[in-house]
Structure formats: C-alpha cells, structure tokens
PDB file of all heavy atoms in Angstrom:
ATOM      1  N   ALA A   1      98.563 120.527  92.609  1.00  0.00           N
ATOM      2  CA  ALA A   1      98.279 119.388  91.731  1.00  0.00           C
ATOM      3  C   ALA A   1      99.508 118.787  91.136  1.00  0.00           C
ATOM      4  O   ALA A   1      99.442 117.693  90.519  1.00  0.00           O
ATOM      5  CB  ALA A   1      97.314 119.677  90.765  1.00  0.00           C
ATOM      6  N   ASP A   2     100.633 119.445  91.174  1.00  0.00           N
ATOM      7  CA  ASP A   2     101.832 118.997  90.384  1.00  0.00           C
ATOM      8  C   ASP A   2     102.329 117.682  90.994  1.00  0.00           C
ATOM      9  O   ASP A   2     102.475 117.562  92.201  1.00  0.00           O
ATOM     10  CB  ASP A   2     102.938 120.119  90.569  1.00  0.00           C
ATOM     11  CG  ASP A   2     104.166 119.828  89.707  1.00  0.00           C
ATOM     12  OD1 ASP A   2     104.010 119.124  88.637  1.00  0.00           O
ATOM     13  OD2 ASP A   2     105.184 120.275  90.022  1.00  0.00           O
ATOM     14  N   PHE A   3     102.721 116.736  90.226  1.00  0.00           N
ATOM     15  CA  PHE A   3     103.277 115.611  90.575  1.00  0.00           C
ATOM     16  C   PHE A   3     104.645 115.268  89.926  1.00  0.00           C
ATOM     17  O   PHE A   3     105.496 114.711  90.692  1.00  0.00           O
ATOM     18  CB  PHE A   3     102.145 114.380  90.155  1.00  0.00           C
ATOM     19  CG  PHE A   3     102.738 112.968  90.401  1.00  0.00           C
ATOM     20  CD1 PHE A   3     102.812 112.562  91.681  1.00  0.00           C
ATOM     21  CD2 PHE A   3     103.187 112.139  89.379  1.00  0.00           C
ATOM     22  CE1 PHE A   3     103.264 111.205  91.973  1.00  0.00           C
ATOM     23  CE2 PHE A   3     103.659 110.852  89.664  1.00  0.00           C
ATOM     24  CZ  PHE A   3     103.748 110.413  90.914  1.00  0.00           C
ATOM     25  N   GLY A   4     104.745 115.582  88.610  1.00  0.00           N
ATOM     26  CA  GLY A   4     106.017 115.281  88.050  1.00  0.00           C
ATOM     27  C   GLY A   4     107.307 115.867  88.615  1.00  0.00           C
ATOM     28  O   GLY A   4     108.348 115.173  88.928  1.00  0.00           O
ATOM     29  N   ASN A   5     107.246 117.211  88.877  1.00  0.00           N
ATOM     30  CA  ASN A   5     108.317 117.869  89.498  1.00  0.00           C
ATOM     31  C   ASN A   5     108.668 117.414  90.840  1.00  0.00           C
ATOM     32  O   ASN A   5     109.893 117.098  91.197  1.00  0.00           O
ATOM     33  CB  ASN A   5     108.259 119.430  89.444  1.00  0.00           C
ATOM     34  CG  ASN A   5     108.262 119.903  87.966  1.00  0.00           C
ATOM     35  OD1 ASN A   5     108.935 119.532  87.276  1.00  0.00           O
ATOM     36  ND2 ASN A   5     107.176 120.873  87.704  1.00  0.00           N
ATOM     37  N   PRO A   6     107.701 117.337  91.818  1.00  0.00           N
ATOM     38  CA  PRO A   6     108.116 116.829  93.060  1.00  0.00           C
ATOM     39  C   PRO A   6     108.678 115.267  93.105  1.00  0.00           C
ATOM     40  O   PRO A   6     109.500 114.977  93.832  1.00  0.00           O
ATOM     41  CB  PRO A   6     106.788 116.856  93.929  1.00  0.00           C
ATOM     42  CG  PRO A   6     106.059 117.798  93.189  1.00  0.00           C
ATOM     43  CD  PRO A   6     106.388 117.774  91.798  1.00  0.00           C
ATOM     44  N   LEU A   7     108.151 114.534  92.167  1.00  0.00           N
ATOM     45  CA  LEU A   7     108.645 113.084  91.982  1.00  0.00           C
ATOM     46  C   LEU A   7     110.077 112.951  91.567  1.00  0.00           C
ATOM     47  O   LEU A   7     110.873 112.307  92.124  1.00  0.00           O
ATOM     48  CB  LEU A   7     107.826 112.394  90.992  1.00  0.00           C
ATOM     49  CG  LEU A   7     108.094 110.909  90.825  1.00  0.00           C
ATOM     50  CD1 LEU A   7     107.701 110.106  92.049  1.00  0.00           C
ATOM     51  CD2 LEU A   7     107.280 110.339  89.583  1.00  0.00           C
ATOM     52  N   VAL A   8     110.529 114.062  90.815  1.00  0.00           N
ATOM     53  CA  VAL A   8     111.900 114.008  90.272  1.00  0.00           C
ATOM     54  C   VAL A   8     112.857 114.779  91.319  1.00  0.00           C
ATOM     55  O   VAL A   8     113.928 114.356  91.514  1.00  0.00           O
ATOM     56  CB  VAL A   8     111.971 114.729  88.942  1.00  0.00           C
ATOM     57  CG1 VAL A   8     113.423 114.990  88.459  1.00  0.00           C
ATOM     58  CG2 VAL A   8     111.220 114.058  87.952  1.00  0.00           C
ATOM     59  N   LEU A   9     112.316 115.805  92.091  1.00  0.00           N
ATOM     60  CA  LEU A   9     113.224 116.643  92.728  1.00  0.00           C
ATOM     61  C   LEU A   9     112.901 116.616  94.327  1.00  0.00           C
ATOM     62  O   LEU A   9     113.541 117.220  95.050  1.00  0.00           O
ATOM     63  CB  LEU A   9     113.159 118.154  92.267  1.00  0.00           C
ATOM     64  CG  LEU A   9     113.589 118.353  90.856  1.00  0.00           C
ATOM     65  CD1 LEU A   9     113.229 119.814  90.448  1.00  0.00           C
ATOM     66  CD2 LEU A   9     115.107 118.180  90.715  1.00  0.00           C
ATOM     67  N   GLY A  10     111.843 115.909  94.625  1.00  0.00           N
ATOM     68  CA  GLY A  10     111.422 115.945  96.051  1.00  0.00           C
ATOM     69  C   GLY A  10     112.376 115.424  97.108  1.00  0.00           C
ATOM     70  O   GLY A  10     112.448 115.976  98.150  1.00  0.00           O
ATOM     71  N   GLY A  11     113.198 114.418  96.649  1.00  0.00           N
ATOM     72  CA  GLY A  11     114.021 113.757  97.700  1.00  0.00           C
ATOM     73  C   GLY A  11     113.278 113.223  98.895  1.00  0.00           C
ATOM     74  O   GLY A  11     112.224 112.641  98.656  1.00  0.00           O
ATOM     75  N   SER A  12     113.760 113.604 100.083  1.00  0.00           N
ATOM     76  CA  SER A  12     113.023 113.065 101.271  1.00  0.00           C
ATOM     77  C   SER A  12     111.975 114.019 101.630  1.00  0.00           C
ATOM     78  O   SER A  12     111.154 113.717 102.531  1.00  0.00           O
ATOM     79  CB  SER A  12     114.056 112.947 102.443  1.00  0.00           C
ATOM     80  OG  SER A  12     114.615 114.245 102.683  1.00  0.00           O
ATOM     81  N   GLY A  13     111.762 115.203 101.070  1.00  0.00           N
ATOM     82  CA  GLY A  13     110.805 116.150 101.388  1.00  0.00           C
ATOM     83  C   GLY A  13     109.637 116.097 100.355  1.00  0.00           C
ATOM     84  O   GLY A  13     109.505 116.931  99.550  1.00  0.00           O
ATOM     85  N   GLY A  14     108.785 115.145 100.564  1.00  0.00           N
ATOM     86  CA  GLY A  14     107.712 114.868  99.606  1.00  0.00           C
ATOM     87  C   GLY A  14     106.514 115.865  99.814  1.00  0.00           C
ATOM     88  O   GLY A  14     106.479 116.457 100.892  1.00  0.00           O
ATOM     89  N   VAL A  15     105.656 115.995  98.902  1.00  0.00           N
ATOM     90  CA  VAL A  15     104.435 116.771  98.935  1.00  0.00           C
ATOM     91  C   VAL A  15     103.204 115.888  98.994  1.00  0.00           C
ATOM     92  O   VAL A  15     103.388 114.599  98.881  1.00  0.00           O
ATOM     93  CB  VAL A  15     104.318 117.845  97.901  1.00  0.00           C
ATOM     94  CG1 VAL A  15     105.501 118.871  97.983  1.00  0.00           C
ATOM     95  CG2 VAL A  15     104.383 117.181  96.556  1.00  0.00           C
ATOM     96  N   LEU A  16     102.072 116.442  98.952  1.00  0.00           N
ATOM     97  CA  LEU A  16     100.882 115.549  99.158  1.00  0.00           C
ATOM     98  C   LEU A  16     100.684 114.594  97.979  1.00  0.00           C
ATOM     99  O   LEU A  16     100.250 113.473  98.052  1.00  0.00           O
ATOM    100  CB  LEU A  16      99.670 116.509  99.201  1.00  0.00           C
ATOM    101  CG  LEU A  16      99.320 117.088 100.630  1.00  0.00           C
ATOM    102  CD1 LEU A  16      98.217 118.043 100.521  1.00  0.00           C
ATOM    103  CD2 LEU A  16      99.030 115.897 101.623  1.00  0.00           C
ATOM    104  N   SER A  17     100.874 115.099  96.683  1.00  0.00           N
ATOM    105  CA  SER A  17     100.667 114.307  95.498  1.00  0.00           C
ATOM    106  C   SER A  17     101.607 113.112  95.482  1.00  0.00           C
ATOM    107  O   SER A  17     101.214 111.936  95.207  1.00  0.00           O
ATOM    108  CB  SER A  17     100.873 115.177  94.321  1.00  0.00           C
ATOM    109  OG  SER A  17     102.253 115.745  94.158  1.00  0.00           O
ATOM    110  N   THR A  18     102.898 113.303  95.771  1.00  0.00           N
ATOM    111  CA  THR A  18     103.823 112.249  95.776  1.00  0.00           C
ATOM    112  C   THR A  18     103.557 111.204  97.050  1.00  0.00           C
ATOM    113  O   THR A  18     103.743 110.067  96.909  1.00  0.00           O
ATOM    114  CB  THR A  18     105.343 112.641  95.939  1.00  0.00           C
ATOM    115  OG1 THR A  18     105.517 113.559  97.037  1.00  0.00           O
ATOM    116  CG2 THR A  18     105.622 113.414  94.568  1.00  0.00           C
ATOM    117  N   GLU A  19     103.260 111.865  98.128  1.00  0.00           N
ATOM    118  CA  GLU A  19     102.931 110.949  99.295  1.00  0.00           C
ATOM    119  C   GLU A  19     101.776 110.122  99.146  1.00  0.00           C
ATOM    120  O   GLU A  19     101.702 108.991  99.538  1.00  0.00           O
ATOM    121  CB  GLU A  19     102.665 111.820 100.622  1.00  0.00           C
ATOM    122  CG  GLU A  19     103.871 112.565 101.114  1.00  0.00           C
ATOM    123  CD  GLU A  19     104.915 111.519 101.633  1.00  0.00           C
ATOM    124  OE1 GLU A  19     104.523 110.543 102.278  1.00  0.00           O
ATOM    125  OE2 GLU A  19     106.234 111.854 101.441  1.00  0.00           O
ATOM    126  N   ILE A  20     100.708 110.648  98.412  1.00  0.00           N
ATOM    127  CA  ILE A  20      99.555 109.825  97.981  1.00  0.00           C
ATOM    128  C   ILE A  20     100.182 108.644  97.113  1.00  0.00           C
ATOM    129  O   ILE A  20      99.585 107.525  97.318  1.00  0.00           O
ATOM    130  CB  ILE A  20      98.559 110.632  97.357  1.00  0.00           C
ATOM    131  CG1 ILE A  20      97.902 111.686  98.368  1.00  0.00           C
ATOM    132  CG2 ILE A  20      97.455 109.948  96.701  1.00  0.00           C
ATOM    133  CD1 ILE A  20      97.107 112.736  97.622  1.00  0.00           C
ATOM    134  N   PHE A  21     100.847 108.969  96.176  1.00  0.00           N
ATOM    135  CA  PHE A  21     101.271 107.974  95.174  1.00  0.00           C
ATOM    136  C   PHE A  21     101.954 106.875  95.917  1.00  0.00           C
ATOM    137  O   PHE A  21     101.765 105.637  95.627  1.00  0.00           O
ATOM    138  CB  PHE A  21     102.121 108.619  94.135  1.00  0.00           C
ATOM    139  CG  PHE A  21     102.779 107.767  93.060  1.00  0.00           C
ATOM    140  CD1 PHE A  21     102.032 107.202  92.061  1.00  0.00           C
ATOM    141  CD2 PHE A  21     104.058 107.381  93.232  1.00  0.00           C
ATOM    142  CE1 PHE A  21     102.482 106.329  91.191  1.00  0.00           C
ATOM    143  CE2 PHE A  21     104.601 106.481  92.272  1.00  0.00           C
ATOM    144  CZ  PHE A  21     103.859 106.000  91.273  1.00  0.00           C
ATOM    145  N   PHE A  22     102.993 107.110  96.789  1.00  0.00           N
ATOM    146  CA  PHE A  22     103.723 106.204  97.376  1.00  0.00           C
ATOM    147  C   PHE A  22     102.981 105.394  98.436  1.00  0.00           C
ATOM    148  O   PHE A  22     103.428 104.258  98.800  1.00  0.00           O
ATOM    149  CB  PHE A  22     105.084 106.825  97.956  1.00  0.00           C
ATOM    150  CG  PHE A  22     106.059 107.280  96.954  1.00  0.00           C
ATOM    151  CD1 PHE A  22     106.525 108.627  96.828  1.00  0.00           C
ATOM    152  CD2 PHE A  22     106.607 106.293  96.019  1.00  0.00           C
ATOM    153  CE1 PHE A  22     107.416 108.995  95.902  1.00  0.00           C
ATOM    154  CE2 PHE A  22     107.511 106.719  95.114  1.00  0.00           C
ATOM    155  CZ  PHE A  22     107.932 107.955  95.047  1.00  0.00           C
ATOM    156  N   SER A  23     101.960 106.052  98.968  1.00  0.00           N
ATOM    157  CA  SER A  23     101.125 105.300  99.884  1.00  0.00           C
ATOM    158  C   SER A  23     100.298 104.129  99.303  1.00  0.00           C
ATOM    159  O   SER A  23      99.998 103.171  99.920  1.00  0.00           O
ATOM    160  CB  SER A  23     100.165 106.266 100.565  1.00  0.00           C
ATOM    161  OG  SER A  23     100.808 107.203 101.410  1.00  0.00           O
ATOM    162  N   VAL A  24     100.173 104.288  97.988  1.00  0.00           N
ATOM    163  CA  VAL A  24      99.374 103.351  97.273  1.00  0.00           C
ATOM    164  C   VAL A  24     100.255 102.320  96.671  1.00  0.00           C
ATOM    165  O   VAL A  24     100.033 101.057  96.674  1.00  0.00           O
ATOM    166  CB  VAL A  24      98.506 103.933  96.180  1.00  0.00           C
ATOM    167  CG1 VAL A  24      97.793 102.886  95.337  1.00  0.00           C
ATOM    168  CG2 VAL A  24      97.497 104.846  96.792  1.00  0.00           C
ATOM    169  N   VAL A  25     101.289 102.775  95.927  1.00  0.00           N
ATOM    170  CA  VAL A  25     102.082 101.834  95.068  1.00  0.00           C
ATOM    171  C   VAL A  25     103.469 101.430  95.733  1.00  0.00           C
ATOM    172  O   VAL A  25     104.137 100.598  95.245  1.00  0.00           O
ATOM    173  CB  VAL A  25     102.434 102.456  93.688  1.00  0.00           C
ATOM    174  CG1 VAL A  25     101.158 102.783  93.010  1.00  0.00           C
ATOM    175  CG2 VAL A  25     103.404 103.725  93.820  1.00  0.00           C
ATOM    176  N   GLY A  26     103.846 102.193  96.868  1.00  0.00           N
ATOM    177  CA  GLY A  26     105.085 101.880  97.435  1.00  0.00           C
ATOM    178  C   GLY A  26     105.092 100.724  98.429  1.00  0.00           C
ATOM    179  O   GLY A  26     104.049 100.006  98.492  1.00  0.00           O
ATOM    180  N   ALA A  27     106.119 100.587  99.252  1.00  0.00           N
ATOM    181  CA  ALA A  27     106.201  99.576 100.216  1.00  0.00           C
ATOM    182  C   ALA A  27     105.267  99.723 101.323  1.00  0.00           C
ATOM    183  O   ALA A  27     104.871  98.729 102.038  1.00  0.00           O
ATOM    184  CB  ALA A  27     107.599  99.482 100.867  1.00  0.00           C
ATOM    185  N   GLN A  28     104.712 100.978 101.561  1.00  0.00           N
ATOM    186  CA  GLN A  28     103.749 101.278 102.643  1.00  0.00           C
ATOM    187  C   GLN A  28     102.454 100.473 102.468  1.00  0.00           C
ATOM    188  O   GLN A  28     101.939  99.806 103.371  1.00  0.00           O
ATOM    189  CB  GLN A  28     103.468 102.742 102.811  1.00  0.00           C
ATOM    190  CG  GLN A  28     104.700 103.547 103.132  1.00  0.00           C
ATOM    191  CD  GLN A  28     104.332 105.031 103.160  1.00  0.00           C
ATOM    192  OE1 GLN A  28     103.351 105.504 103.768  1.00  0.00           O
ATOM    193  NE2 GLN A  28     105.095 105.838 102.393  1.00  0.00           N
ATOM    194  N   ASN A  29     101.944 100.491 101.289  1.00  0.00           N
ATOM    195  CA  ASN A  29     100.701  99.781 100.860  1.00  0.00           C
ATOM    196  C   ASN A  29      99.586 100.190 101.953  1.00  0.00           C
ATOM    197  O   ASN A  29      99.068  99.391 102.525  1.00  0.00           O
ATOM    198  CB  ASN A  29     100.865  98.345 100.867  1.00  0.00           C
ATOM    199  CG  ASN A  29      99.638  97.641 100.227  1.00  0.00           C
ATOM    200  OD1 ASN A  29      98.946  98.227  99.405  1.00  0.00           O
ATOM    201  ND2 ASN A  29      99.508  96.352 100.520  1.00  0.00           N
ATOM    202  N   ASP A  30      99.311 101.569 102.063  1.00  0.00           N
ATOM    203  CA  ASP A  30      98.478 101.966 103.013  1.00  0.00           C
ATOM    204  C   ASP A  30      97.369 102.872 102.306  1.00  0.00           C
ATOM    205  O   ASP A  30      97.419 104.004 102.260  1.00  0.00           O
ATOM    206  CB  ASP A  30      99.150 102.926 104.076  1.00  0.00           C
ATOM    207  CG  ASP A  30      98.312 103.191 105.279  1.00  0.00           C
ATOM    208  OD1 ASP A  30      97.096 102.933 105.284  1.00  0.00           O
ATOM    209  OD2 ASP A  30      98.907 103.724 106.237  1.00  0.00           O
ATOM    210  N   PRO A  31      96.288 102.216 101.837  1.00  0.00           N
ATOM    211  CA  PRO A  31      95.236 102.966 101.088  1.00  0.00           C
ATOM    212  C   PRO A  31      94.489 103.968 101.969  1.00  0.00           C
ATOM    213  O   PRO A  31      94.073 105.026 101.586  1.00  0.00           O
ATOM    214  CB  PRO A  31      94.261 101.867 100.672  1.00  0.00           C
ATOM    215  CG  PRO A  31      95.121 100.578 100.595  1.00  0.00           C
ATOM    216  CD  PRO A  31      96.010 100.740 101.742  1.00  0.00           C
ATOM    217  N   SER A  32      94.380 103.616 103.252  1.00  0.00           N
ATOM    218  CA  SER A  32      93.717 104.546 104.189  1.00  0.00           C
ATOM    219  C   SER A  32      94.500 105.883 104.363  1.00  0.00           C
ATOM    220  O   SER A  32      93.923 107.048 104.316  1.00  0.00           O
ATOM    221  CB  SER A  32      93.594 103.890 105.590  1.00  0.00           C
ATOM    222  OG  SER A  32      92.857 102.720 105.552  1.00  0.00           O
TER     223      SER A  32
END
C-alpha cells in the first residue's frame, strides 16, 4: 500500500501504487 516512498525513490522501476497513480493523472490517461 505504500505510495510516498516509491513516488520519491522509484525512478523508472515503479510499483503498483505509483503505476495506478500515473495511469490516472499522468500523460497516459488510461483509467482502464
């Protein structure tokens, strides 16, 4: 469930929580 630490330190190796976030608010804009 952690989001803050992966967001700061994830780099190009994201985890599920950050990938979900960027799928919604990032350039991808892919809610599905």
